[in-house]
Amino acid sequence: MSEFVIETGQYAYHVQFSANRRSVVLQVKQGLVTVKAPLGYPLQDVKNIVAAKHAWVMRHIDNYPAQQAPQWLANRQLPLLDDRLSLSLQKSKTSSVQLDDKHLVVNVSSRVQDKRFDLVAQTLIKNWYKQHAVDWFSSRTAYWKQKMNLTVNDIVIGDWKSRWGYCRQDGELGFNWRLLMAPAVIADYVVVHELSHIKHMNHSPLFWQLVQHYYPEHRSAKHWLRKNHYQLML
């Protein structure tokens, strides 16, 4: 899946292209505008659809009330594996996210309405985490699959509230980007857990024996996730 942020005179909207999608959907949720389109769909056609629905989009944006700033915004800090990042939010000509050492700078387009500033900043940060997750999980999966002598066909980064990862029979692995807000050893456990499903597509004793062999601390990692999962919500 690929994503773009398009600026207009009054708001920014996010375009998501997916190979699994067959039609175009325009939605406004919590004041955020998103377009979901099939992979290969012309970007100019997406812009034309949004332009044609401009009045409808503005009605939905204006009807959404300003929200209280979330805790992560009030604290001006975000976790990234074993690090904590200081956070700066500012208005700029265009929207972007930049990491300078351990300082995350989030630029929100000056075209964004003030009452939507926090929500747009949150979306930008989520997208930044997702991109970072692609690199991190690709690297850790490459390390562990060699160590475990396994083959992986593809890696997918997801945004789920109820699961940390998955393994399909065709060798596709999925990981929740929110794991980058956990310590590295916890995210590593999920990599080993899902890789172990390539050999055992269940949670049988043989499965847990394999996990135990490569990650002896799996019980403490599972306990940490159960106890602290609420901290991994952005």
C-alpha atoms as a PDB file:
ATOM      1  CA  MET A   1       0.000   0.000   0.000  1.00  0.00           C
ATOM      2  CA  SER A   2       1.213   3.525  -0.779  1.00  0.00           C
ATOM      3  CA  GLU A   3       0.055   6.791   0.780  1.00  0.00           C
ATOM      4  CA  PHE A   4       0.123  10.459  -0.200  1.00  0.00           C
ATOM      5  CA  VAL A   5      -0.857  13.696   1.533  1.00  0.00           C
ATOM      6  CA  ILE A   6      -2.530  16.227  -0.769  1.00  0.00           C
ATOM      7  CA  GLU A   7      -2.860  19.875   0.236  1.00  0.00           C
ATOM      8  CA  THR A   8      -5.851  21.998  -0.776  1.00  0.00           C
ATOM      9  CA  GLY A   9      -6.665  25.581   0.001  1.00  0.00           C
ATOM     10  CA  GLN A  10      -8.661  24.671   3.139  1.00  0.00           C
ATOM     11  CA  TYR A  11      -7.617  21.181   4.233  1.00  0.00           C
ATOM     12  CA  ALA A  12      -5.219  18.316   3.596  1.00  0.00           C
ATOM     13  CA  TYR A  13      -6.373  14.806   2.725  1.00  0.00           C
ATOM     14  CA  HIS A  14      -4.683  11.422   2.745  1.00  0.00           C
ATOM     15  CA  VAL A  15      -4.750   9.122  -0.281  1.00  0.00           C
ATOM     16  CA  GLN A  16      -4.211   5.393   0.242  1.00  0.00           C
ATOM     17  CA  PHE A  17      -3.647   3.126  -2.772  1.00  0.00           C
ATOM     18  CA  SER A  18      -4.147  -0.591  -2.173  1.00  0.00           C
ATOM     19  CA  ALA A  19      -3.928  -3.618  -4.463  1.00  0.00           C
ATOM     20  CA  ASN A  20      -6.834  -5.179  -2.537  1.00  0.00           C
ATOM     21  CA  ARG A  21      -9.249  -2.343  -3.306  1.00  0.00           C
ATOM     22  CA  ARG A  22     -11.540  -2.325  -6.355  1.00  0.00           C
ATOM     23  CA  SER A  23     -13.341   1.001  -5.935  1.00  0.00           C
ATOM     24  CA  VAL A  24     -12.707   4.545  -4.706  1.00  0.00           C
ATOM     25  CA  VAL A  25     -13.999   5.625  -1.294  1.00  0.00           C
ATOM     26  CA  LEU A  26     -13.953   9.182   0.072  1.00  0.00           C
ATOM     27  CA  GLN A  27     -14.556   9.480   3.805  1.00  0.00           C
ATOM     28  CA  VAL A  28     -14.350  12.056   6.578  1.00  0.00           C
ATOM     29  CA  LYS A  29     -13.871  10.607  10.058  1.00  0.00           C
ATOM     30  CA  GLN A  30     -13.123  12.668  13.151  1.00  0.00           C
ATOM     31  CA  GLY A  31     -12.389  15.634  10.931  1.00  0.00           C
ATOM     32  CA  LEU A  32      -9.804  13.758   8.832  1.00  0.00           C
ATOM     33  CA  VAL A  33     -10.299  13.362   5.088  1.00  0.00           C
ATOM     34  CA  THR A  34      -9.162  10.088   3.486  1.00  0.00           C
ATOM     35  CA  VAL A  35      -9.444   8.679  -0.022  1.00  0.00           C
ATOM     36  CA  LYS A  36      -8.951   4.933  -0.556  1.00  0.00           C
ATOM     37  CA  ALA A  37      -8.338   3.873  -4.147  1.00  0.00           C
ATOM     38  CA  PRO A  38      -7.151   0.841  -6.135  1.00  0.00           C
ATOM     39  CA  LEU A  39      -3.428   0.577  -6.802  1.00  0.00           C
ATOM     40  CA  GLY A  40      -2.679   2.210 -10.148  1.00  0.00           C
ATOM     41  CA  TYR A  41      -5.700   4.520 -10.034  1.00  0.00           C
ATOM     42  CA  PRO A  42      -4.685   7.940 -11.470  1.00  0.00           C
ATOM     43  CA  LEU A  43      -3.869  10.475  -8.766  1.00  0.00           C
ATOM     44  CA  GLN A  44      -5.379  13.262 -10.859  1.00  0.00           C
ATOM     45  CA  ASP A  45      -8.694  11.383 -10.912  1.00  0.00           C
ATOM     46  CA  VAL A  46      -8.565  11.222  -7.117  1.00  0.00           C
ATOM     47  CA  LYS A  47      -8.032  14.989  -6.983  1.00  0.00           C
ATOM     48  CA  ASN A  48     -10.991  15.500  -9.329  1.00  0.00           C
ATOM     49  CA  ILE A  49     -13.250  13.387  -7.100  1.00  0.00           C
ATOM     50  CA  VAL A  50     -12.274  15.358  -4.002  1.00  0.00           C
ATOM     51  CA  ALA A  51     -12.739  18.670  -5.819  1.00  0.00           C
ATOM     52  CA  ALA A  52     -16.220  17.622  -6.946  1.00  0.00           C
ATOM     53  CA  LYS A  53     -17.121  16.713  -3.344  1.00  0.00           C
ATOM     54  CA  HIS A  54     -15.580  19.863  -1.832  1.00  0.00           C
ATOM     55  CA  ALA A  55     -18.803  21.226  -0.326  1.00  0.00           C
ATOM     56  CA  TRP A  56     -19.677  17.820   1.175  1.00  0.00           C
ATOM     57  CA  VAL A  57     -16.188  17.472   2.674  1.00  0.00           C
ATOM     58  CA  MET A  58     -16.303  20.961   4.209  1.00  0.00           C
ATOM     59  CA  ARG A  59     -19.706  20.287   5.807  1.00  0.00           C
ATOM     60  CA  HIS A  60     -18.346  17.178   7.529  1.00  0.00           C
ATOM     61  CA  ILE A  61     -15.170  18.943   8.657  1.00  0.00           C
ATOM     62  CA  ASP A  62     -17.096  21.914  10.052  1.00  0.00           C
ATOM     63  CA  ASN A  63     -19.506  19.622  11.921  1.00  0.00           C
ATOM     64  CA  TYR A  64     -16.668  17.925  13.794  1.00  0.00           C
ATOM     65  CA  PRO A  65     -15.964  19.702  17.110  1.00  0.00           C
ATOM     66  CA  ALA A  66     -12.489  20.546  18.355  1.00  0.00           C
ATOM     67  CA  GLN A  67     -11.114  17.787  20.596  1.00  0.00           C
ATOM     68  CA  GLN A  68      -9.065  17.823  23.779  1.00  0.00           C
ATOM     69  CA  ALA A  69      -5.349  17.319  23.147  1.00  0.00           C
ATOM     70  CA  PRO A  70      -4.298  13.670  23.690  1.00  0.00           C
ATOM     71  CA  GLN A  71      -1.813  12.743  26.429  1.00  0.00           C
ATOM     72  CA  TRP A  72       1.113  12.201  24.060  1.00  0.00           C
ATOM     73  CA  LEU A  73       0.625  15.728  22.767  1.00  0.00           C
ATOM     74  CA  ALA A  74       0.498  17.221  26.244  1.00  0.00           C
ATOM     75  CA  ASN A  75       3.689  15.400  27.286  1.00  0.00           C
ATOM     76  CA  ARG A  76       5.550  16.310  24.079  1.00  0.00           C
ATOM     77  CA  GLN A  77       7.255  12.890  24.164  1.00  0.00           C
ATOM     78  CA  LEU A  78       6.910   9.701  22.128  1.00  0.00           C
ATOM     79  CA  PRO A  79       8.490   6.246  22.592  1.00  0.00           C
ATOM     80  CA  LEU A  80      10.470   4.633  19.781  1.00  0.00           C
ATOM     81  CA  LEU A  81      11.618   1.160  20.838  1.00  0.00           C
ATOM     82  CA  ASP A  82      14.270   1.774  23.534  1.00  0.00           C
ATOM     83  CA  ASP A  83      14.388   5.548  22.994  1.00  0.00           C
ATOM     84  CA  ARG A  84      12.153   8.438  23.926  1.00  0.00           C
ATOM     85  CA  LEU A  85      11.730  11.174  21.362  1.00  0.00           C
ATOM     86  CA  SER A  86      11.075  14.787  22.207  1.00  0.00           C
ATOM     87  CA  LEU A  87       8.271  16.170  20.072  1.00  0.00           C
ATOM     88  CA  SER A  88       7.861  19.534  18.374  1.00  0.00           C
ATOM     89  CA  LEU A  89       4.714  20.537  16.501  1.00  0.00           C
ATOM     90  CA  GLN A  90       4.671  23.549  14.241  1.00  0.00           C
ATOM     91  CA  LYS A  91       2.844  25.033  11.296  1.00  0.00           C
ATOM     92  CA  SER A  92       4.669  25.079   7.994  1.00  0.00           C
ATOM     93  CA  LYS A  93       4.084  25.555   4.282  1.00  0.00           C
ATOM     94  CA  THR A  94       3.632  21.806   3.791  1.00  0.00           C
ATOM     95  CA  SER A  95       3.075  18.819   6.080  1.00  0.00           C
ATOM     96  CA  SER A  96       6.071  16.617   6.906  1.00  0.00           C
ATOM     97  CA  VAL A  97       7.786  14.695   9.714  1.00  0.00           C
ATOM     98  CA  GLN A  98      11.529  14.806  10.344  1.00  0.00           C
ATOM     99  CA  LEU A  99      13.672  12.965  12.900  1.00  0.00           C
ATOM    100  CA  ASP A 100      16.757  14.843  14.089  1.00  0.00           C
ATOM    101  CA  ASP A 101      18.700  12.616  16.486  1.00  0.00           C
ATOM    102  CA  LYS A 102      16.012  11.996  19.151  1.00  0.00           C
ATOM    103  CA  HIS A 103      13.904  15.004  18.261  1.00  0.00           C
ATOM    104  CA  LEU A 104      10.791  14.466  16.138  1.00  0.00           C
ATOM    105  CA  VAL A 105       9.659  17.586  14.286  1.00  0.00           C
ATOM    106  CA  VAL A 106       6.108  17.493  12.933  1.00  0.00           C
ATOM    107  CA  ASN A 107       5.234  20.181  10.412  1.00  0.00           C
ATOM    108  CA  VAL A 108       1.513  20.683   9.867  1.00  0.00           C
ATOM    109  CA  SER A 109       0.391  22.597   6.809  1.00  0.00           C
ATOM    110  CA  SER A 110      -0.690  26.157   7.570  1.00  0.00           C
ATOM    111  CA  ARG A 111      -3.785  25.414   5.482  1.00  0.00           C
ATOM    112  CA  VAL A 112      -5.089  23.068   8.183  1.00  0.00           C
ATOM    113  CA  GLN A 113      -7.778  24.564  10.399  1.00  0.00           C
ATOM    114  CA  ASP A 114      -6.757  25.103  14.029  1.00  0.00           C
ATOM    115  CA  LYS A 115      -9.399  22.743  15.392  1.00  0.00           C
ATOM    116  CA  ARG A 116      -8.013  19.944  13.180  1.00  0.00           C
ATOM    117  CA  PHE A 117      -4.348  20.630  13.945  1.00  0.00           C
ATOM    118  CA  ASP A 118      -3.953  17.887  16.584  1.00  0.00           C
ATOM    119  CA  LEU A 119      -5.722  15.245  14.483  1.00  0.00           C
ATOM    120  CA  VAL A 120      -3.631  15.997  11.412  1.00  0.00           C
ATOM    121  CA  ALA A 121      -0.454  15.935  13.514  1.00  0.00           C
ATOM    122  CA  GLN A 122      -1.514  12.573  14.951  1.00  0.00           C
ATOM    123  CA  THR A 123      -2.067  11.139  11.465  1.00  0.00           C
ATOM    124  CA  LEU A 124       1.314  12.399  10.276  1.00  0.00           C
ATOM    125  CA  ILE A 125       3.008  10.784  13.273  1.00  0.00           C
ATOM    126  CA  LYS A 126       1.195   7.483  12.710  1.00  0.00           C
ATOM    127  CA  ASN A 127       2.305   7.433   9.082  1.00  0.00           C
ATOM    128  CA  TRP A 128       5.871   8.169  10.169  1.00  0.00           C
ATOM    129  CA  TYR A 129       5.766   5.226  12.615  1.00  0.00           C
ATOM    130  CA  LYS A 130       4.430   2.969   9.853  1.00  0.00           C
ATOM    131  CA  GLN A 131       7.279   3.874   7.511  1.00  0.00           C
ATOM    132  CA  HIS A 132       9.822   3.327  10.278  1.00  0.00           C
ATOM    133  CA  ALA A 133       8.164  -0.007  11.083  1.00  0.00           C
ATOM    134  CA  VAL A 134       8.707  -1.249   7.521  1.00  0.00           C
ATOM    135  CA  ASP A 135      12.474  -0.860   7.878  1.00  0.00           C
ATOM    136  CA  TRP A 136      12.712  -2.167  11.438  1.00  0.00           C
ATOM    137  CA  PHE A 137      10.556  -5.269  10.995  1.00  0.00           C
ATOM    138  CA  SER A 138      12.193  -6.069   7.658  1.00  0.00           C
ATOM    139  CA  SER A 139      15.594  -5.984   9.339  1.00  0.00           C
ATOM    140  CA  ARG A 140      14.570  -8.033  12.386  1.00  0.00           C
ATOM    141  CA  THR A 141      12.660 -10.567  10.297  1.00  0.00           C
ATOM    142  CA  ALA A 142      15.707 -11.027   8.058  1.00  0.00           C
ATOM    143  CA  TYR A 143      17.843 -11.639  11.156  1.00  0.00           C
ATOM    144  CA  TRP A 144      15.504 -14.131  12.805  1.00  0.00           C
ATOM    145  CA  LYS A 145      14.462 -16.041   9.685  1.00  0.00           C
ATOM    146  CA  GLN A 146      18.119 -16.795   8.958  1.00  0.00           C
ATOM    147  CA  LYS A 147      18.678 -17.840  12.552  1.00  0.00           C
ATOM    148  CA  MET A 148      15.579 -20.063  12.476  1.00  0.00           C
ATOM    149  CA  ASN A 149      16.204 -21.297   8.901  1.00  0.00           C
ATOM    150  CA  LEU A 150      12.790 -20.172   7.652  1.00  0.00           C
ATOM    151  CA  THR A 151      11.469 -18.550   4.471  1.00  0.00           C
ATOM    152  CA  VAL A 152       9.277 -15.438   4.455  1.00  0.00           C
ATOM    153  CA  ASN A 153       7.435 -14.317   1.329  1.00  0.00           C
ATOM    154  CA  ASP A 154       6.269 -10.860   2.356  1.00  0.00           C
ATOM    155  CA  ILE A 155       5.957  -8.459   5.297  1.00  0.00           C
ATOM    156  CA  VAL A 156       2.915  -6.261   5.900  1.00  0.00           C
ATOM    157  CA  ILE A 157       2.677  -3.424   8.415  1.00  0.00           C
ATOM    158  CA  GLY A 158      -0.816  -3.033   9.862  1.00  0.00           C
ATOM    159  CA  ASP A 159      -2.817  -0.746  12.131  1.00  0.00           C
ATOM    160  CA  TRP A 160      -4.850  -3.010  14.388  1.00  0.00           C
ATOM    161  CA  LYS A 161      -6.288  -2.487  17.855  1.00  0.00           C
ATOM    162  CA  SER A 162      -6.686  -6.171  18.758  1.00  0.00           C
ATOM    163  CA  ARG A 163      -3.629  -8.041  17.467  1.00  0.00           C
ATOM    164  CA  TRP A 164       0.131  -7.577  17.279  1.00  0.00           C
ATOM    165  CA  GLY A 165       0.841  -9.657  14.195  1.00  0.00           C
ATOM    166  CA  TYR A 166      -0.116 -12.595  12.030  1.00  0.00           C
ATOM    167  CA  CYS A 167       1.355 -15.348   9.862  1.00  0.00           C
ATOM    168  CA  ARG A 168      -0.350 -16.726   6.760  1.00  0.00           C
ATOM    169  CA  GLN A 169       0.196 -20.131   5.241  1.00  0.00           C
ATOM    170  CA  ASP A 170       1.796 -18.555   2.175  1.00  0.00           C
ATOM    171  CA  GLY A 171       4.586 -17.140   4.352  1.00  0.00           C
ATOM    172  CA  GLU A 172       3.267 -13.590   4.633  1.00  0.00           C
ATOM    173  CA  LEU A 173       3.902 -11.979   8.021  1.00  0.00           C
ATOM    174  CA  GLY A 174       2.070  -8.958   9.413  1.00  0.00           C
ATOM    175  CA  PHE A 175       3.205  -6.704  12.247  1.00  0.00           C
ATOM    176  CA  ASN A 176       1.452  -3.907  14.108  1.00  0.00           C
ATOM    177  CA  TRP A 177       3.304  -0.604  13.773  1.00  0.00           C
ATOM    178  CA  ARG A 178       2.348   0.192  17.388  1.00  0.00           C
ATOM    179  CA  LEU A 179       4.987  -2.297  18.522  1.00  0.00           C
ATOM    180  CA  LEU A 180       7.564   0.396  17.768  1.00  0.00           C
ATOM    181  CA  MET A 181       6.221   2.145  20.868  1.00  0.00           C
ATOM    182  CA  ALA A 182       7.283  -0.889  22.957  1.00  0.00           C
ATOM    183  CA  PRO A 183      10.824  -1.867  24.014  1.00  0.00           C
ATOM    184  CA  ALA A 184      12.797  -3.557  21.240  1.00  0.00           C
ATOM    185  CA  VAL A 185      12.873  -6.894  23.071  1.00  0.00           C
ATOM    186  CA  ILE A 186       9.059  -6.939  23.108  1.00  0.00           C
ATOM    187  CA  ALA A 187       8.767  -6.223  19.384  1.00  0.00           C
ATOM    188  CA  ASP A 188      11.442  -8.855  18.770  1.00  0.00           C
ATOM    189  CA  TYR A 189       9.336 -11.420  20.629  1.00  0.00           C
ATOM    190  CA  VAL A 190       6.427 -10.820  18.252  1.00  0.00           C
ATOM    191  CA  VAL A 191       8.764 -11.387  15.283  1.00  0.00           C
ATOM    192  CA  VAL A 192       9.878 -14.742  16.709  1.00  0.00           C
ATOM    193  CA  HIS A 193       6.278 -15.628  17.597  1.00  0.00           C
ATOM    194  CA  GLU A 194       4.975 -15.031  14.073  1.00  0.00           C
ATOM    195  CA  LEU A 195       7.968 -16.708  12.422  1.00  0.00           C
ATOM    196  CA  SER A 196       7.342 -19.789  14.554  1.00  0.00           C
ATOM    197  CA  HIS A 197       3.879 -20.040  13.006  1.00  0.00           C
ATOM    198  CA  ILE A 198       5.517 -20.804   9.658  1.00  0.00           C
ATOM    199  CA  LYS A 199       6.348 -24.229  11.095  1.00  0.00           C
ATOM    200  CA  HIS A 200       3.325 -24.565  13.377  1.00  0.00           C
ATOM    201  CA  MET A 201       0.108 -22.764  12.360  1.00  0.00           C
ATOM    202  CA  ASN A 202      -1.313 -23.135  15.857  1.00  0.00           C
ATOM    203  CA  HIS A 203      -0.406 -22.632  19.519  1.00  0.00           C
ATOM    204  CA  SER A 204       0.399 -26.270  20.202  1.00  0.00           C
ATOM    205  CA  PRO A 205       3.137 -27.436  22.608  1.00  0.00           C
ATOM    206  CA  LEU A 206       5.444 -27.840  19.596  1.00  0.00           C
ATOM    207  CA  PHE A 207       4.855 -24.211  18.670  1.00  0.00           C
ATOM    208  CA  TRP A 208       5.724 -22.962  22.145  1.00  0.00           C
ATOM    209  CA  GLN A 209       8.776 -25.210  22.268  1.00  0.00           C
ATOM    210  CA  LEU A 210      10.055 -23.516  19.122  1.00  0.00           C
ATOM    211  CA  VAL A 211       9.379 -20.056  20.538  1.00  0.00           C
ATOM    212  CA  GLN A 212      11.056 -21.059  23.805  1.00  0.00           C
ATOM    213  CA  HIS A 213      14.146 -22.257  21.943  1.00  0.00           C
ATOM    214  CA  TYR A 214      14.740 -18.921  20.228  1.00  0.00           C
ATOM    215  CA  TYR A 215      13.137 -16.575  22.739  1.00  0.00           C
ATOM    216  CA  PRO A 216      13.295 -18.001  26.294  1.00  0.00           C
ATOM    217  CA  GLU A 217      11.802 -14.807  27.781  1.00  0.00           C
ATOM    218  CA  HIS A 218       8.550 -15.142  25.826  1.00  0.00           C
ATOM    219  CA  ARG A 219       6.383 -15.421  28.953  1.00  0.00           C
ATOM    220  CA  SER A 220       7.609 -12.114  30.343  1.00  0.00           C
ATOM    221  CA  ALA A 221       7.166 -10.494  26.906  1.00  0.00           C
ATOM    222  CA  LYS A 222       3.555 -11.730  26.697  1.00  0.00           C
ATOM    223  CA  HIS A 223       2.929 -10.436  30.209  1.00  0.00           C
ATOM    224  CA  TRP A 224       4.383  -7.041  29.296  1.00  0.00           C
ATOM    225  CA  LEU A 225       2.053  -6.733  26.292  1.00  0.00           C
ATOM    226  CA  ARG A 226      -1.017  -7.683  28.335  1.00  0.00           C
ATOM    227  CA  LYS A 227      -0.104  -5.202  31.064  1.00  0.00           C
ATOM    228  CA  ASN A 228       1.056  -2.290  28.911  1.00  0.00           C
ATOM    229  CA  HIS A 229      -0.911  -2.565  25.662  1.00  0.00           C
ATOM    230  CA  TYR A 230      -2.834   0.622  26.466  1.00  0.00           C
ATOM    231  CA  GLN A 231       0.452   2.566  26.352  1.00  0.00           C
ATOM    232  CA  LEU A 232       0.903   1.637  22.694  1.00  0.00           C
ATOM    233  CA  MET A 233      -2.137   3.576  21.511  1.00  0.00           C
ATOM    234  CA  LEU A 234      -1.524   6.861  19.739  1.00  0.00           C
END
